[in-house]
Amino acid sequence: MAFPTAVNNQITDSVSQSSVTVLGDAPGLALASLYQTMAQATGLALQNAVANQQSLAAVNQAATAAAVALLTRG
């Protein structure tokens, strides 16, 4: 309980308790935000990997087609 003031003691207790609640919730909210950020970053990394594989497959197919065309000419 706070020192005696002109404000009602119940009000000061209520404000103090809400401050304690915010401080108590902060670590959990920070971890939740961290997990959400890591999940999004991992998802983006996997999407980039798939896009790179698709691009390389198209390049490989074009190179194979060009090599086959060279072989059939000669």
Foldseek 3Di string as FASTA:
>chain_A
DDDDDPDDPVVVVVVVVVVVVCVVCVVVVVVVVVVVVVVVVVVVVVVVVVVVVVVVVVVVVVVVVVVVVVVVVD
